[in-house]
Amino acid sequence: MWLDGRLLDATTVTVAPDETTTVETSHVFESTGNYTLRSGADEITVAVVEPATPTVTAVELNRTTLVGGGAVEVSATVANDAAIPALRDLTFVRDGEAVATRTLTLGPGEEVSVSTVLTLDGPGTYSVGVENATRRTVTVEPTPTPTDVHTASDTPPGQQTSQPPATHSTTGTSGPGFGAAATLLALLVAVALALRRS
């Protein structure tokens, strides 16, 4: 195998009559340009070009509001519309600061989705996204303070209960010292006297 007139690789093979065989070799091109490869009477031209740059087509968040802080997942959709492979280092940013980088290699016409998780600690408004692509806003709200709990009464307001006032049973007979039992005894004595007189 010859590359631009320079021997690249040589292999000795034995091929039987009416048979074919395949010999493989590889080479890494270090710069762009057109190169001529020749093997025997066959010759081809290889064009080495810079990879295409894929584009970010969408940026999405799994949530846009947090309470007290937490994590947000940022997802980016990246597409390669070129007819050649594409290469790109994709950087995720928070308030303009790089926080994570992903290296992507895409074939012609390929589309991929890549994501990372960003931590937002304190209350405030944050701008997150991918490099110069559309940014998204995340709001971190302060942690609510607990309210005072009243424990003076277990009965909810408006449902206060009270014990009914004590009642005293009385008979129709009046006079000092006459209760229900005394009145009954007096009646029995009166009946007994009446029977004796009769």
C-alpha atoms as a PDB file:
ATOM      1  CA  MET A   1       0.000   0.000   0.000  1.00  0.00           C
ATOM      2  CA  TRP A   2       1.373   3.381  -1.077  1.00  0.00           C
ATOM      3  CA  LEU A   3       0.385   6.802   0.234  1.00  0.00           C
ATOM      4  CA  ASP A   4       1.323   9.749  -1.998  1.00  0.00           C
ATOM      5  CA  GLY A   5       4.205   7.707  -3.449  1.00  0.00           C
ATOM      6  CA  ARG A   6       5.455   6.614  -0.041  1.00  0.00           C
ATOM      7  CA  LEU A   7       5.291   2.980   1.064  1.00  0.00           C
ATOM      8  CA  LEU A   8       2.661   2.726   3.766  1.00  0.00           C
ATOM      9  CA  ASP A   9       2.374  -1.020   4.373  1.00  0.00           C
ATOM     10  CA  ALA A  10       3.507  -4.288   2.793  1.00  0.00           C
ATOM     11  CA  THR A  11       2.033  -7.744   3.298  1.00  0.00           C
ATOM     12  CA  THR A  12       2.880 -11.043   1.577  1.00  0.00           C
ATOM     13  CA  VAL A  13      -0.134 -13.196   0.722  1.00  0.00           C
ATOM     14  CA  THR A  14      -0.684 -16.409  -1.237  1.00  0.00           C
ATOM     15  CA  VAL A  15      -3.780 -16.649  -3.398  1.00  0.00           C
ATOM     16  CA  ALA A  16      -4.899 -19.872  -5.058  1.00  0.00           C
ATOM     17  CA  PRO A  17      -6.100 -19.863  -8.657  1.00  0.00           C
ATOM     18  CA  ASP A  18      -9.613 -18.435  -9.125  1.00  0.00           C
ATOM     19  CA  GLU A  19      -9.701 -17.207  -5.524  1.00  0.00           C
ATOM     20  CA  THR A  20      -9.565 -13.789  -3.945  1.00  0.00           C
ATOM     21  CA  THR A  21      -8.432 -12.524  -0.583  1.00  0.00           C
ATOM     22  CA  THR A  22      -8.749  -9.271   1.302  1.00  0.00           C
ATOM     23  CA  VAL A  23      -5.852  -7.471   2.947  1.00  0.00           C
ATOM     24  CA  GLU A  24      -6.630  -4.672   5.377  1.00  0.00           C
ATOM     25  CA  THR A  25      -4.465  -1.825   6.589  1.00  0.00           C
ATOM     26  CA  SER A  26      -5.114   1.374   8.519  1.00  0.00           C
ATOM     27  CA  HIS A  27      -3.650   4.839   8.741  1.00  0.00           C
ATOM     28  CA  VAL A  28      -4.376   7.924  10.820  1.00  0.00           C
ATOM     29  CA  PHE A  29      -4.265  11.199   8.900  1.00  0.00           C
ATOM     30  CA  GLU A  30      -2.961  14.038  11.037  1.00  0.00           C
ATOM     31  CA  SER A  31      -3.943  16.970   8.832  1.00  0.00           C
ATOM     32  CA  THR A  32      -6.587  17.908   6.315  1.00  0.00           C
ATOM     33  CA  GLY A  33      -6.025  17.605   2.575  1.00  0.00           C
ATOM     34  CA  ASN A  34      -6.313  15.206  -0.381  1.00  0.00           C
ATOM     35  CA  TYR A  35      -4.240  12.002  -0.290  1.00  0.00           C
ATOM     36  CA  THR A  36      -3.651   9.324  -2.926  1.00  0.00           C
ATOM     37  CA  LEU A  37      -3.680   5.681  -1.909  1.00  0.00           C
ATOM     38  CA  ARG A  38      -2.412   3.028  -4.345  1.00  0.00           C
ATOM     39  CA  SER A  39      -2.318  -0.747  -4.177  1.00  0.00           C
ATOM     40  CA  GLY A  40      -1.070  -2.468  -7.281  1.00  0.00           C
ATOM     41  CA  ALA A  41      -2.884  -0.933 -10.226  1.00  0.00           C
ATOM     42  CA  ASP A  42      -5.744   0.418  -8.094  1.00  0.00           C
ATOM     43  CA  GLU A  43      -5.666   3.997  -6.909  1.00  0.00           C
ATOM     44  CA  ILE A  44      -8.100   6.146  -4.911  1.00  0.00           C
ATOM     45  CA  THR A  45      -8.111   9.684  -3.525  1.00  0.00           C
ATOM     46  CA  VAL A  46      -8.927  10.276   0.118  1.00  0.00           C
ATOM     47  CA  ALA A  47     -10.147  13.722   1.224  1.00  0.00           C
ATOM     48  CA  VAL A  48      -9.478  14.549   4.875  1.00  0.00           C
ATOM     49  CA  VAL A  49     -11.585  17.455   6.172  1.00  0.00           C
ATOM     50  CA  GLU A  50     -12.353  19.045   9.512  1.00  0.00           C
ATOM     51  CA  PRO A  51     -15.355  17.468  11.260  1.00  0.00           C
ATOM     52  CA  ALA A  52     -18.639  19.322  11.117  1.00  0.00           C
ATOM     53  CA  THR A  53     -19.971  21.142  14.166  1.00  0.00           C
ATOM     54  CA  PRO A  54     -23.303  19.831  15.468  1.00  0.00           C
ATOM     55  CA  THR A  55     -25.928  22.305  16.586  1.00  0.00           C
ATOM     56  CA  VAL A  56     -28.026  22.479  19.746  1.00  0.00           C
ATOM     57  CA  THR A  57     -31.690  22.303  18.741  1.00  0.00           C
ATOM     58  CA  ALA A  58     -33.381  22.222  22.164  1.00  0.00           C
ATOM     59  CA  VAL A  59     -32.663  22.762  25.868  1.00  0.00           C
ATOM     60  CA  GLU A  60     -35.050  21.421  28.514  1.00  0.00           C
ATOM     61  CA  LEU A  61     -35.223  21.307  32.325  1.00  0.00           C
ATOM     62  CA  ASN A  62     -36.935  18.699  34.495  1.00  0.00           C
ATOM     63  CA  ARG A  63     -38.216  21.508  36.761  1.00  0.00           C
ATOM     64  CA  THR A  64     -38.010  25.290  37.018  1.00  0.00           C
ATOM     65  CA  THR A  65     -38.883  25.918  40.689  1.00  0.00           C
ATOM     66  CA  LEU A  66     -37.172  24.625  43.834  1.00  0.00           C
ATOM     67  CA  VAL A  67     -37.760  25.265  47.529  1.00  0.00           C
ATOM     68  CA  GLY A  68     -34.642  25.704  49.645  1.00  0.00           C
ATOM     69  CA  GLY A  69     -32.299  24.420  46.918  1.00  0.00           C
ATOM     70  CA  GLY A  70     -31.693  21.118  45.163  1.00  0.00           C
ATOM     71  CA  ALA A  71     -30.755  19.596  41.802  1.00  0.00           C
ATOM     72  CA  VAL A  72     -31.978  20.385  38.284  1.00  0.00           C
ATOM     73  CA  GLU A  73     -31.428  18.146  35.259  1.00  0.00           C
ATOM     74  CA  VAL A  74     -30.548  20.035  32.070  1.00  0.00           C
ATOM     75  CA  SER A  75     -31.049  18.156  28.787  1.00  0.00           C
ATOM     76  CA  ALA A  76     -29.798  19.289  25.374  1.00  0.00           C
ATOM     77  CA  THR A  77     -30.708  17.888  21.963  1.00  0.00           C
ATOM     78  CA  VAL A  78     -27.810  18.039  19.491  1.00  0.00           C
ATOM     79  CA  ALA A  79     -28.078  17.348  15.744  1.00  0.00           C
ATOM     80  CA  ASN A  80     -25.604  16.928  12.881  1.00  0.00           C
ATOM     81  CA  ASP A  81     -27.122  18.057   9.587  1.00  0.00           C
ATOM     82  CA  ALA A  82     -23.867  17.669   7.652  1.00  0.00           C
ATOM     83  CA  ALA A  83     -22.934  14.834   5.303  1.00  0.00           C
ATOM     84  CA  ILE A  84     -19.732  14.193   7.260  1.00  0.00           C
ATOM     85  CA  PRO A  85     -19.118  13.229  10.907  1.00  0.00           C
ATOM     86  CA  ALA A  86     -19.393  15.979  13.510  1.00  0.00           C
ATOM     87  CA  LEU A  87     -17.428  16.593  16.696  1.00  0.00           C
ATOM     88  CA  ARG A  88     -18.133  18.987  19.536  1.00  0.00           C
ATOM     89  CA  ASP A  89     -17.353  19.647  23.190  1.00  0.00           C
ATOM     90  CA  LEU A  90     -20.704  20.600  24.718  1.00  0.00           C
ATOM     91  CA  THR A  91     -20.456  22.770  27.841  1.00  0.00           C
ATOM     92  CA  PHE A  92     -23.272  23.235  30.353  1.00  0.00           C
ATOM     93  CA  VAL A  93     -23.328  26.590  32.132  1.00  0.00           C
ATOM     94  CA  ARG A  94     -24.891  28.128  35.236  1.00  0.00           C
ATOM     95  CA  ASP A  95     -25.046  31.927  35.373  1.00  0.00           C
ATOM     96  CA  GLY A  96     -22.418  32.047  32.631  1.00  0.00           C
ATOM     97  CA  GLU A  97     -19.997  29.710  34.425  1.00  0.00           C
ATOM     98  CA  ALA A  98     -19.025  26.346  32.908  1.00  0.00           C
ATOM     99  CA  VAL A  99     -19.991  23.479  35.214  1.00  0.00           C
ATOM    100  CA  ALA A 100     -19.818  20.354  32.990  1.00  0.00           C
ATOM    101  CA  THR A 101     -18.500  19.360  29.549  1.00  0.00           C
ATOM    102  CA  ARG A 102     -19.466  16.431  27.292  1.00  0.00           C
ATOM    103  CA  THR A 103     -17.554  15.400  24.141  1.00  0.00           C
ATOM    104  CA  LEU A 104     -19.920  14.344  21.346  1.00  0.00           C
ATOM    105  CA  THR A 105     -19.236  12.546  18.065  1.00  0.00           C
ATOM    106  CA  LEU A 106     -22.159  12.317  15.649  1.00  0.00           C
ATOM    107  CA  GLY A 107     -22.478  10.608  12.300  1.00  0.00           C
ATOM    108  CA  PRO A 108     -24.038  12.307   9.271  1.00  0.00           C
ATOM    109  CA  GLY A 109     -27.685  13.140   9.993  1.00  0.00           C
ATOM    110  CA  GLU A 110     -27.476  11.848  13.572  1.00  0.00           C
ATOM    111  CA  GLU A 111     -29.257  13.422  16.563  1.00  0.00           C
ATOM    112  CA  VAL A 112     -28.530  12.723  20.231  1.00  0.00           C
ATOM    113  CA  SER A 113     -29.699  13.918  23.641  1.00  0.00           C
ATOM    114  CA  VAL A 114     -27.225  14.601  26.436  1.00  0.00           C
ATOM    115  CA  SER A 115     -27.884  15.794  29.978  1.00  0.00           C
ATOM    116  CA  THR A 116     -26.237  16.768  33.239  1.00  0.00           C
ATOM    117  CA  VAL A 117     -27.395  17.604  36.775  1.00  0.00           C
ATOM    118  CA  LEU A 118     -26.733  21.047  38.249  1.00  0.00           C
ATOM    119  CA  THR A 119     -26.912  21.823  41.977  1.00  0.00           C
ATOM    120  CA  LEU A 120     -28.537  25.084  43.089  1.00  0.00           C
ATOM    121  CA  ASP A 121     -27.939  25.741  46.779  1.00  0.00           C
ATOM    122  CA  GLY A 122     -29.364  29.095  47.845  1.00  0.00           C
ATOM    123  CA  PRO A 123     -32.525  31.100  47.130  1.00  0.00           C
ATOM    124  CA  GLY A 124     -32.510  33.228  43.993  1.00  0.00           C
ATOM    125  CA  THR A 125     -32.939  33.133  40.217  1.00  0.00           C
ATOM    126  CA  TYR A 126     -30.457  31.129  38.128  1.00  0.00           C
ATOM    127  CA  SER A 127     -29.791  31.060  34.384  1.00  0.00           C
ATOM    128  CA  VAL A 128     -28.841  27.571  33.173  1.00  0.00           C
ATOM    129  CA  GLY A 129     -28.312  26.105  29.725  1.00  0.00           C
ATOM    130  CA  VAL A 130     -25.731  25.095  27.140  1.00  0.00           C
ATOM    131  CA  GLU A 131     -23.038  27.564  26.023  1.00  0.00           C
ATOM    132  CA  ASN A 132     -24.623  30.201  23.767  1.00  0.00           C
ATOM    133  CA  ALA A 133     -27.853  28.279  23.211  1.00  0.00           C
ATOM    134  CA  THR A 134     -31.170  29.365  24.669  1.00  0.00           C
ATOM    135  CA  ARG A 135     -30.948  29.671  28.451  1.00  0.00           C
ATOM    136  CA  ARG A 136     -33.609  28.626  30.928  1.00  0.00           C
ATOM    137  CA  THR A 137     -34.465  30.274  34.260  1.00  0.00           C
ATOM    138  CA  VAL A 138     -34.734  28.353  37.534  1.00  0.00           C
ATOM    139  CA  THR A 139     -36.160  29.968  40.676  1.00  0.00           C
ATOM    140  CA  VAL A 140     -35.100  28.739  44.127  1.00  0.00           C
ATOM    141  CA  GLU A 141     -37.543  29.892  46.789  1.00  0.00           C
ATOM    142  CA  PRO A 142     -36.572  30.270  50.480  1.00  0.00           C
ATOM    143  CA  THR A 143     -37.491  27.480  52.851  1.00  0.00           C
ATOM    144  CA  PRO A 144     -40.700  28.503  54.666  1.00  0.00           C
ATOM    145  CA  THR A 145     -40.311  29.137  58.402  1.00  0.00           C
ATOM    146  CA  PRO A 146     -42.504  26.992  60.685  1.00  0.00           C
ATOM    147  CA  THR A 147     -45.484  28.796  62.258  1.00  0.00           C
ATOM    148  CA  ASP A 148     -46.202  28.888  66.019  1.00  0.00           C
ATOM    149  CA  VAL A 149     -48.221  25.927  67.260  1.00  0.00           C
ATOM    150  CA  HIS A 150     -50.808  26.658  70.015  1.00  0.00           C
ATOM    151  CA  THR A 151     -51.169  23.842  72.515  1.00  0.00           C
ATOM    152  CA  ALA A 152     -53.280  25.533  75.210  1.00  0.00           C
ATOM    153  CA  SER A 153     -56.326  23.504  74.239  1.00  0.00           C
ATOM    154  CA  ASP A 154     -56.810  20.362  72.223  1.00  0.00           C
ATOM    155  CA  THR A 155     -60.320  21.463  71.265  1.00  0.00           C
ATOM    156  CA  PRO A 156     -60.445  23.497  68.049  1.00  0.00           C
ATOM    157  CA  PRO A 157     -61.792  27.064  68.292  1.00  0.00           C
ATOM    158  CA  GLY A 158     -65.551  27.244  68.032  1.00  0.00           C
ATOM    159  CA  GLN A 159     -65.962  23.771  69.508  1.00  0.00           C
ATOM    160  CA  GLN A 160     -65.431  24.552  73.194  1.00  0.00           C
ATOM    161  CA  THR A 161     -67.404  22.235  75.459  1.00  0.00           C
ATOM    162  CA  SER A 162     -68.489  22.776  79.054  1.00  0.00           C
ATOM    163  CA  GLN A 163     -69.958  20.557  81.716  1.00  0.00           C
ATOM    164  CA  PRO A 164     -73.667  21.178  82.388  1.00  0.00           C
ATOM    165  CA  PRO A 165     -74.390  22.768  85.792  1.00  0.00           C
ATOM    166  CA  ALA A 166     -75.217  20.358  88.573  1.00  0.00           C
ATOM    167  CA  THR A 167     -78.940  19.991  89.210  1.00  0.00           C
ATOM    168  CA  HIS A 168     -80.673  19.260  92.557  1.00  0.00           C
ATOM    169  CA  SER A 169     -83.881  17.239  92.626  1.00  0.00           C
ATOM    170  CA  THR A 170     -86.520  18.512  95.047  1.00  0.00           C
ATOM    171  CA  THR A 171     -89.984  17.353  95.969  1.00  0.00           C
ATOM    172  CA  GLY A 172     -93.096  19.371  96.129  1.00  0.00           C
ATOM    173  CA  THR A 173     -93.075  19.312  99.964  1.00  0.00           C
ATOM    174  CA  SER A 174     -91.564  22.381 101.556  1.00  0.00           C
ATOM    175  CA  GLY A 175     -90.255  22.846 105.021  1.00  0.00           C
ATOM    176  CA  PRO A 176     -86.950  22.560 106.825  1.00  0.00           C
ATOM    177  CA  GLY A 177     -85.330  19.141 106.780  1.00  0.00           C
ATOM    178  CA  PHE A 178     -87.902  17.469 104.496  1.00  0.00           C
ATOM    179  CA  GLY A 179     -86.325  15.423 101.787  1.00  0.00           C
ATOM    180  CA  ALA A 180     -87.861  12.740  99.593  1.00  0.00           C
ATOM    181  CA  ALA A 181     -87.224   9.904 102.107  1.00  0.00           C
ATOM    182  CA  ALA A 182     -88.634  11.879 105.048  1.00  0.00           C
ATOM    183  CA  THR A 183     -91.799  12.714 103.135  1.00  0.00           C
ATOM    184  CA  LEU A 184     -92.365   9.062 102.207  1.00  0.00           C
ATOM    185  CA  LEU A 185     -91.938   7.985 105.858  1.00  0.00           C
ATOM    186  CA  ALA A 186     -94.456  10.589 107.017  1.00  0.00           C
ATOM    187  CA  LEU A 187     -97.018   9.332 104.508  1.00  0.00           C
ATOM    188  CA  LEU A 188     -96.590   5.731 105.698  1.00  0.00           C
ATOM    189  CA  VAL A 189     -97.083   6.755 109.358  1.00  0.00           C
ATOM    190  CA  ALA A 190    -100.214   8.700 108.472  1.00  0.00           C
ATOM    191  CA  VAL A 191    -101.676   5.698 106.650  1.00  0.00           C
ATOM    192  CA  ALA A 192    -100.935   3.404 109.625  1.00  0.00           C
ATOM    193  CA  LEU A 193    -102.670   5.770 112.061  1.00  0.00           C
ATOM    194  CA  ALA A 194    -105.703   6.023 109.844  1.00  0.00           C
ATOM    195  CA  LEU A 195    -106.031   2.248 109.688  1.00  0.00           C
ATOM    196  CA  ARG A 196    -105.848   1.923 113.492  1.00  0.00           C
ATOM    197  CA  ARG A 197    -108.541   4.531 114.009  1.00  0.00           C
ATOM    198  CA  SER A 198    -110.863   2.814 111.647  1.00  0.00           C
END
